[in-house]
Amino acid sequence: MPGKATRPDDGRHNNKGGGGGKGGRPVGSVSARGQRGIHQIRAYDEEWEVIKDFMKLTRIDVDKCRLAVRMMQSEIK
């Protein structure tokens, strides 16, 4: 490979990566509901297992999970 300022000889200039090469996620692959937000949470390992299980259930049926949360909140308060 010649110096840094020149074109590489190993064919990397043919790669489709980056914004200009049209690489990455295909158009239209985002859900109809839009993108999920980025949320950060700190939890101990046993808490995180419960959170992960609940996330899986929520992705199956959101309304049932809302009802379950309301029931648990009314019992705890």
PDB file of N, CA and C in Angstrom:
ATOM      1  N   MET A   1       0.848  -1.173   0.000  1.00  0.00           N
ATOM      2  CA  MET A   1       0.000   0.000   0.000  1.00  0.00           C
ATOM      3  C   MET A   1       0.888   1.227   0.000  1.00  0.00           C
ATOM      4  N   PRO A   2       0.653   2.128  -0.932  1.00  0.00           N
ATOM      5  CA  PRO A   2       1.455   3.348  -0.955  1.00  0.00           C
ATOM      6  C   PRO A   2       1.123   4.244   0.238  1.00  0.00           C
ATOM      7  N   GLY A   3       1.577   5.469   0.236  1.00  0.00           N
ATOM      8  CA  GLY A   3       1.359   6.384   1.353  1.00  0.00           C
ATOM      9  C   GLY A   3      -0.108   6.614   1.672  1.00  0.00           C
ATOM     10  N   LYS A   4      -0.341   7.240   2.804  1.00  0.00           N
ATOM     11  CA  LYS A   4      -1.695   7.455   3.305  1.00  0.00           C
ATOM     12  C   LYS A   4      -2.572   8.297   2.371  1.00  0.00           C
ATOM     13  N   ALA A   5      -1.994   9.258   1.728  1.00  0.00           N
ATOM     14  CA  ALA A   5      -2.772  10.216   0.951  1.00  0.00           C
ATOM     15  C   ALA A   5      -3.228   9.670  -0.394  1.00  0.00           C
ATOM     16  N   THR A   6      -2.806   8.478  -0.763  1.00  0.00           N
ATOM     17  CA  THR A   6      -3.193   7.936  -2.074  1.00  0.00           C
ATOM     18  C   THR A   6      -4.250   6.848  -1.913  1.00  0.00           C
ATOM     19  N   ARG A   7      -4.771   6.427  -3.019  1.00  0.00           N
ATOM     20  CA  ARG A   7      -5.800   5.396  -3.042  1.00  0.00           C
ATOM     21  C   ARG A   7      -5.187   4.037  -2.705  1.00  0.00           C
ATOM     22  N   PRO A   8      -5.815   3.238  -1.797  1.00  0.00           N
ATOM     23  CA  PRO A   8      -5.226   1.949  -1.435  1.00  0.00           C
ATOM     24  C   PRO A   8      -5.274   0.960  -2.597  1.00  0.00           C
ATOM     25  N   ASP A   9      -4.257   0.128  -2.670  1.00  0.00           N
ATOM     26  CA  ASP A   9      -4.160  -0.854  -3.750  1.00  0.00           C
ATOM     27  C   ASP A   9      -4.939  -2.139  -3.460  1.00  0.00           C
ATOM     28  N   ASP A  10      -5.425  -2.312  -2.238  1.00  0.00           N
ATOM     29  CA  ASP A  10      -6.029  -3.592  -1.869  1.00  0.00           C
ATOM     30  C   ASP A  10      -7.529  -3.675  -2.156  1.00  0.00           C
ATOM     31  N   GLY A  11      -8.094  -2.725  -2.846  1.00  0.00           N
ATOM     32  CA  GLY A  11      -9.495  -2.797  -3.254  1.00  0.00           C
ATOM     33  C   GLY A  11     -10.483  -2.249  -2.249  1.00  0.00           C
ATOM     34  N   ARG A  12     -10.009  -1.643  -1.172  1.00  0.00           N
ATOM     35  CA  ARG A  12     -10.932  -1.100  -0.175  1.00  0.00           C
ATOM     36  C   ARG A  12     -11.798   0.012  -0.750  1.00  0.00           C
ATOM     37  N   HIS A  13     -11.345   0.650  -1.791  1.00  0.00           N
ATOM     38  CA  HIS A  13     -12.132   1.730  -2.384  1.00  0.00           C
ATOM     39  C   HIS A  13     -13.408   1.197  -3.044  1.00  0.00           C
ATOM     40  N   ASN A  14     -13.538  -0.118  -3.194  1.00  0.00           N
ATOM     41  CA  ASN A  14     -14.740  -0.711  -3.777  1.00  0.00           C
ATOM     42  C   ASN A  14     -15.786  -1.079  -2.721  1.00  0.00           C
ATOM     43  N   ASN A  15     -15.448  -0.947  -1.439  1.00  0.00           N
ATOM     44  CA  ASN A  15     -16.389  -1.315  -0.381  1.00  0.00           C
ATOM     45  C   ASN A  15     -17.590  -0.380  -0.381  1.00  0.00           C
ATOM     46  N   LYS A  16     -18.745  -0.916   0.065  1.00  0.00           N
ATOM     47  CA  LYS A  16     -19.968  -0.120   0.071  1.00  0.00           C
ATOM     48  C   LYS A  16     -20.265   0.497   1.432  1.00  0.00           C
ATOM     49  N   GLY A  17     -19.334   0.535   2.340  1.00  0.00           N
ATOM     50  CA  GLY A  17     -19.600   1.066   3.671  1.00  0.00           C
ATOM     51  C   GLY A  17     -19.722   2.575   3.668  1.00  0.00           C
ATOM     52  N   GLY A  18     -20.274   3.111   4.755  1.00  0.00           N
ATOM     53  CA  GLY A  18     -20.368   4.561   4.899  1.00  0.00           C
ATOM     54  C   GLY A  18     -21.627   5.131   4.280  1.00  0.00           C
ATOM     55  N   GLY A  19     -21.819   6.414   4.444  1.00  0.00           N
ATOM     56  CA  GLY A  19     -23.034   7.073   3.976  1.00  0.00           C
ATOM     57  C   GLY A  19     -23.122   7.172   2.471  1.00  0.00           C
ATOM     58  N   GLY A  20     -22.015   7.456   1.796  1.00  0.00           N
ATOM     59  CA  GLY A  20     -22.054   7.650   0.356  1.00  0.00           C
ATOM     60  C   GLY A  20     -22.174   6.363  -0.425  1.00  0.00           C
ATOM     61  N   GLY A  21     -21.797   5.231   0.173  1.00  0.00           N
ATOM     62  CA  GLY A  21     -21.825   3.959  -0.531  1.00  0.00           C
ATOM     63  C   GLY A  21     -23.156   3.246  -0.455  1.00  0.00           C
ATOM     64  N   LYS A  22     -24.124   3.850   0.203  1.00  0.00           N
ATOM     65  CA  LYS A  22     -25.472   3.298   0.340  1.00  0.00           C
ATOM     66  C   LYS A  22     -25.477   1.970   1.082  1.00  0.00           C
ATOM     67  N   GLY A  23     -24.512   1.753   1.963  1.00  0.00           N
ATOM     68  CA  GLY A  23     -24.508   0.557   2.794  1.00  0.00           C
ATOM     69  C   GLY A  23     -25.393   0.755   4.005  1.00  0.00           C
ATOM     70  N   GLY A  24     -25.639  -0.288   4.755  1.00  0.00           N
ATOM     71  CA  GLY A  24     -26.401  -0.177   5.990  1.00  0.00           C
ATOM     72  C   GLY A  24     -27.813  -0.718   5.877  1.00  0.00           C
ATOM     73  N   ARG A  25     -28.687  -0.239   6.744  1.00  0.00           N
ATOM     74  CA  ARG A  25     -30.055  -0.738   6.835  1.00  0.00           C
ATOM     75  C   ARG A  25     -30.840  -0.388   5.573  1.00  0.00           C
ATOM     76  N   PRO A  26     -31.595  -1.363   5.015  1.00  0.00           N
ATOM     77  CA  PRO A  26     -32.383  -1.085   3.826  1.00  0.00           C
ATOM     78  C   PRO A  26     -33.524  -0.103   4.111  1.00  0.00           C
ATOM     79  N   VAL A  27     -33.927   0.643   3.125  1.00  0.00           N
ATOM     80  CA  VAL A  27     -35.015   1.607   3.260  1.00  0.00           C
ATOM     81  C   VAL A  27     -36.310   0.850   3.535  1.00  0.00           C
ATOM     82  N   GLY A  28     -37.099   1.347   4.462  1.00  0.00           N
ATOM     83  CA  GLY A  28     -38.378   0.721   4.769  1.00  0.00           C
ATOM     84  C   GLY A  28     -38.295  -0.402   5.776  1.00  0.00           C
ATOM     85  N   SER A  29     -37.148  -0.610   6.397  1.00  0.00           N
ATOM     86  CA  SER A  29     -37.018  -1.712   7.342  1.00  0.00           C
ATOM     87  C   SER A  29     -37.398  -1.311   8.764  1.00  0.00           C
ATOM     88  N   VAL A  30     -37.774  -0.048   8.977  1.00  0.00           N
ATOM     89  CA  VAL A  30     -38.191   0.416  10.297  1.00  0.00           C
ATOM     90  C   VAL A  30     -39.655   0.056  10.498  1.00  0.00           C
ATOM     91  N   SER A  31     -40.018  -0.295  11.718  1.00  0.00           N
ATOM     92  CA  SER A  31     -41.389  -0.672  12.050  1.00  0.00           C
ATOM     93  C   SER A  31     -42.360   0.466  11.733  1.00  0.00           C
ATOM     94  N   ALA A  32     -43.609   0.117  11.504  1.00  0.00           N
ATOM     95  CA  ALA A  32     -44.637   1.131  11.228  1.00  0.00           C
ATOM     96  C   ALA A  32     -44.868   2.031  12.442  1.00  0.00           C
ATOM     97  N   ARG A  33     -44.581   1.519  13.651  1.00  0.00           N
ATOM     98  CA  ARG A  33     -44.749   2.318  14.871  1.00  0.00           C
ATOM     99  C   ARG A  33     -43.598   3.286  15.065  1.00  0.00           C
ATOM    100  N   GLY A  34     -42.565   3.196  14.265  1.00  0.00           N
ATOM    101  CA  GLY A  34     -41.408   4.076  14.404  1.00  0.00           C
ATOM    102  C   GLY A  34     -40.276   3.374  15.130  1.00  0.00           C
ATOM    103  N   GLN A  35     -39.248   4.126  15.425  1.00  0.00           N
ATOM    104  CA  GLN A  35     -38.096   3.553  16.101  1.00  0.00           C
ATOM    105  C   GLN A  35     -38.309   3.566  17.605  1.00  0.00           C
ATOM    106  N   ARG A  36     -37.698   2.595  18.273  1.00  0.00           N
ATOM    107  CA  ARG A  36     -37.726   2.570  19.733  1.00  0.00           C
ATOM    108  C   ARG A  36     -36.756   3.610  20.259  1.00  0.00           C
ATOM    109  N   GLY A  37     -37.134   4.252  21.342  1.00  0.00           N
ATOM    110  CA  GLY A  37     -36.247   5.210  21.985  1.00  0.00           C
ATOM    111  C   GLY A  37     -35.104   4.500  22.696  1.00  0.00           C
ATOM    112  N   ILE A  38     -34.063   5.232  22.959  1.00  0.00           N
ATOM    113  CA  ILE A  38     -32.918   4.683  23.677  1.00  0.00           C
ATOM    114  C   ILE A  38     -33.102   5.016  25.146  1.00  0.00           C
ATOM    115  N   HIS A  39     -33.172   3.986  25.980  1.00  0.00           N
ATOM    116  CA  HIS A  39     -33.357   4.171  27.414  1.00  0.00           C
ATOM    117  C   HIS A  39     -32.236   3.442  28.138  1.00  0.00           C
ATOM    118  N   GLN A  40     -31.684   4.094  29.120  1.00  0.00           N
ATOM    119  CA  GLN A  40     -30.632   3.467  29.916  1.00  0.00           C
ATOM    120  C   GLN A  40     -31.161   3.256  31.322  1.00  0.00           C
ATOM    121  N   ILE A  41     -30.868   2.108  31.879  1.00  0.00           N
ATOM    122  CA  ILE A  41     -31.332   1.789  33.219  1.00  0.00           C
ATOM    123  C   ILE A  41     -30.235   1.019  33.944  1.00  0.00           C
ATOM    124  N   ARG A  42     -30.090   1.307  35.223  1.00  0.00           N
ATOM    125  CA  ARG A  42     -29.124   0.585  36.045  1.00  0.00           C
ATOM    126  C   ARG A  42     -29.903  -0.397  36.906  1.00  0.00           C
ATOM    127  N   ALA A  43     -29.481  -1.654  36.909  1.00  0.00           N
ATOM    128  CA  ALA A  43     -30.173  -2.668  37.702  1.00  0.00           C
ATOM    129  C   ALA A  43     -29.183  -3.755  38.099  1.00  0.00           C
ATOM    130  N   TYR A  44     -29.446  -4.370  39.246  1.00  0.00           N
ATOM    131  CA  TYR A  44     -28.674  -5.543  39.654  1.00  0.00           C
ATOM    132  C   TYR A  44     -29.038  -6.702  38.740  1.00  0.00           C
ATOM    133  N   ASP A  45     -28.222  -7.753  38.751  1.00  0.00           N
ATOM    134  CA  ASP A  45     -28.428  -8.881  37.839  1.00  0.00           C
ATOM    135  C   ASP A  45     -29.814  -9.505  37.987  1.00  0.00           C
ATOM    136  N   GLU A  46     -30.263  -9.735  39.218  1.00  0.00           N
ATOM    137  CA  GLU A  46     -31.578 -10.369  39.402  1.00  0.00           C
ATOM    138  C   GLU A  46     -32.707  -9.431  38.961  1.00  0.00           C
ATOM    139  N   GLU A  47     -32.533  -8.123  39.147  1.00  0.00           N
ATOM    140  CA  GLU A  47     -33.528  -7.165  38.664  1.00  0.00           C
ATOM    141  C   GLU A  47     -33.549  -7.141  37.140  1.00  0.00           C
ATOM    142  N   TRP A  48     -32.370  -7.219  36.547  1.00  0.00           N
ATOM    143  CA  TRP A  48     -32.274  -7.162  35.089  1.00  0.00           C
ATOM    144  C   TRP A  48     -32.953  -8.367  34.443  1.00  0.00           C
ATOM    145  N   GLU A  49     -32.869  -9.535  35.076  1.00  0.00           N
ATOM    146  CA  GLU A  49     -33.547 -10.717  34.536  1.00  0.00           C
ATOM    147  C   GLU A  49     -35.062 -10.491  34.490  1.00  0.00           C
ATOM    148  N   VAL A  50     -35.613  -9.898  35.548  1.00  0.00           N
ATOM    149  CA  VAL A  50     -37.053  -9.609  35.583  1.00  0.00           C
ATOM    150  C   VAL A  50     -37.408  -8.586  34.504  1.00  0.00           C
ATOM    151  N   ILE A  51     -36.566  -7.563  34.353  1.00  0.00           N
ATOM    152  CA  ILE A  51     -36.809  -6.524  33.346  1.00  0.00           C
ATOM    153  C   ILE A  51     -36.796  -7.126  31.943  1.00  0.00           C
ATOM    154  N   LYS A  52     -35.814  -7.993  31.660  1.00  0.00           N
ATOM    155  CA  LYS A  52     -35.733  -8.619  30.334  1.00  0.00           C
ATOM    156  C   LYS A  52     -36.961  -9.474  30.048  1.00  0.00           C
ATOM    157  N   ASP A  53     -37.390 -10.258  31.050  1.00  0.00           N
ATOM    158  CA  ASP A  53     -38.582 -11.087  30.860  1.00  0.00           C
ATOM    159  C   ASP A  53     -39.804 -10.221  30.577  1.00  0.00           C
ATOM    160  N   PHE A  54     -39.934  -9.116  31.308  1.00  0.00           N
ATOM    161  CA  PHE A  54     -41.081  -8.237  31.104  1.00  0.00           C
ATOM    162  C   PHE A  54     -41.023  -7.567  29.731  1.00  0.00           C
ATOM    163  N   MET A  55     -39.819  -7.216  29.274  1.00  0.00           N
ATOM    164  CA  MET A  55     -39.694  -6.625  27.930  1.00  0.00           C
ATOM    165  C   MET A  55     -40.171  -7.603  26.864  1.00  0.00           C
ATOM    166  N   LYS A  56     -39.816  -8.878  27.013  1.00  0.00           N
ATOM    167  CA  LYS A  56     -40.257  -9.887  26.042  1.00  0.00           C
ATOM    168  C   LYS A  56     -41.782  -9.986  26.024  1.00  0.00           C
ATOM    169  N   LEU A  57     -42.383 -10.001  27.229  1.00  0.00           N
ATOM    170  CA  LEU A  57     -43.841 -10.076  27.305  1.00  0.00           C
ATOM    171  C   LEU A  57     -44.494  -8.827  26.731  1.00  0.00           C
ATOM    172  N   THR A  58     -43.902  -7.672  26.975  1.00  0.00           N
ATOM    173  CA  THR A  58     -44.451  -6.413  26.479  1.00  0.00           C
ATOM    174  C   THR A  58     -44.463  -6.385  24.961  1.00  0.00           C
ATOM    175  N   ARG A  59     -43.457  -6.946  24.341  1.00  0.00           N
ATOM    176  CA  ARG A  59     -43.396  -6.948  22.875  1.00  0.00           C
ATOM    177  C   ARG A  59     -44.436  -7.885  22.274  1.00  0.00           C
ATOM    178  N   ILE A  60     -44.949  -8.807  23.078  1.00  0.00           N
ATOM    179  CA  ILE A  60     -46.001  -9.708  22.598  1.00  0.00           C
ATOM    180  C   ILE A  60     -47.372  -9.051  22.748  1.00  0.00           C
ATOM    181  N   ASP A  61     -47.665  -8.498  23.946  1.00  0.00           N
ATOM    182  CA  ASP A  61     -48.980  -7.887  24.185  1.00  0.00           C
ATOM    183  C   ASP A  61     -48.840  -6.731  25.174  1.00  0.00           C
ATOM    184  N   VAL A  62     -48.810  -5.519  24.656  1.00  0.00           N
ATOM    185  CA  VAL A  62     -48.594  -4.317  25.470  1.00  0.00           C
ATOM    186  C   VAL A  62     -49.770  -4.070  26.410  1.00  0.00           C
ATOM    187  N   ASP A  63     -50.986  -4.253  25.924  1.00  0.00           N
ATOM    188  CA  ASP A  63     -52.167  -3.939  26.733  1.00  0.00           C
ATOM    189  C   ASP A  63     -52.271  -4.832  27.966  1.00  0.00           C
ATOM    190  N   LYS A  64     -51.985  -6.120  27.813  1.00  0.00           N
ATOM    191  CA  LYS A  64     -52.023  -7.019  28.970  1.00  0.00           C
ATOM    192  C   LYS A  64     -50.955  -6.635  29.989  1.00  0.00           C
ATOM    193  N   CYS A  65     -49.794  -6.209  29.520  1.00  0.00           N
ATOM    194  CA  CYS A  65     -48.726  -5.799  30.433  1.00  0.00           C
ATOM    195  C   CYS A  65     -49.105  -4.517  31.167  1.00  0.00           C
ATOM    196  N   ARG A  66     -49.771  -3.590  30.488  1.00  0.00           N
ATOM    197  CA  ARG A  66     -50.243  -2.374  31.163  1.00  0.00           C
ATOM    198  C   ARG A  66     -51.214  -2.721  32.283  1.00  0.00           C
ATOM    199  N   LEU A  67     -52.129  -3.631  31.991  1.00  0.00           N
ATOM    200  CA  LEU A  67     -53.100  -4.058  32.992  1.00  0.00           C
ATOM    201  C   LEU A  67     -52.398  -4.713  34.182  1.00  0.00           C
ATOM    202  N   ALA A  68     -51.427  -5.564  33.906  1.00  0.00           N
ATOM    203  CA  ALA A  68     -50.693  -6.236  34.982  1.00  0.00           C
ATOM    204  C   ALA A  68     -49.941  -5.225  35.843  1.00  0.00           C
ATOM    205  N   VAL A  69     -49.344  -4.225  35.223  1.00  0.00           N
ATOM    206  CA  VAL A  69     -48.615  -3.195  35.980  1.00  0.00           C
ATOM    207  C   VAL A  69     -49.579  -2.414  36.860  1.00  0.00           C
ATOM    208  N   ARG A  70     -50.741  -2.050  36.327  1.00  0.00           N
ATOM    209  CA  ARG A  70     -51.735  -1.316  37.133  1.00  0.00           C
ATOM    210  C   ARG A  70     -52.191  -2.144  38.330  1.00  0.00           C
ATOM    211  N   MET A  71     -52.400  -3.442  38.114  1.00  0.00           N
ATOM    212  CA  MET A  71     -52.817  -4.308  39.213  1.00  0.00           C
ATOM    213  C   MET A  71     -51.728  -4.397  40.279  1.00  0.00           C
ATOM    214  N   MET A  72     -50.481  -4.548  39.848  1.00  0.00           N
ATOM    215  CA  MET A  72     -49.375  -4.626  40.810  1.00  0.00           C
ATOM    216  C   MET A  72     -49.208  -3.312  41.557  1.00  0.00           C
ATOM    217  N   GLN A  73     -49.347  -2.197  40.857  1.00  0.00           N
ATOM    218  CA  GLN A  73     -49.207  -0.894  41.510  1.00  0.00           C
ATOM    219  C   GLN A  73     -50.292  -0.680  42.558  1.00  0.00           C
ATOM    220  N   SER A  74     -51.518  -1.103  42.261  1.00  0.00           N
ATOM    221  CA  SER A  74     -52.598  -0.919  43.232  1.00  0.00           C
ATOM    222  C   SER A  74     -52.393  -1.801  44.462  1.00  0.00           C
ATOM    223  N   GLU A  75     -51.779  -2.974  44.293  1.00  0.00           N
ATOM    224  CA  GLU A  75     -51.498  -3.850  45.431  1.00  0.00           C
ATOM    225  C   GLU A  75     -50.373  -3.304  46.296  1.00  0.00           C
ATOM    226  N   ILE A  76     -49.357  -2.736  45.676  1.00  0.00           N
ATOM    227  CA  ILE A  76     -48.183  -2.272  46.414  1.00  0.00           C
ATOM    228  C   ILE A  76     -48.467  -0.966  47.138  1.00  0.00           C
ATOM    229  N   LYS A  77     -49.221  -0.073  46.538  1.00  0.00           N
ATOM    230  CA  LYS A  77     -49.477   1.247  47.143  1.00  0.00           C
ATOM    231  C   LYS A  77     -50.410   1.173  48.308  1.00  0.00           C
TER     232      LYS A  77
END
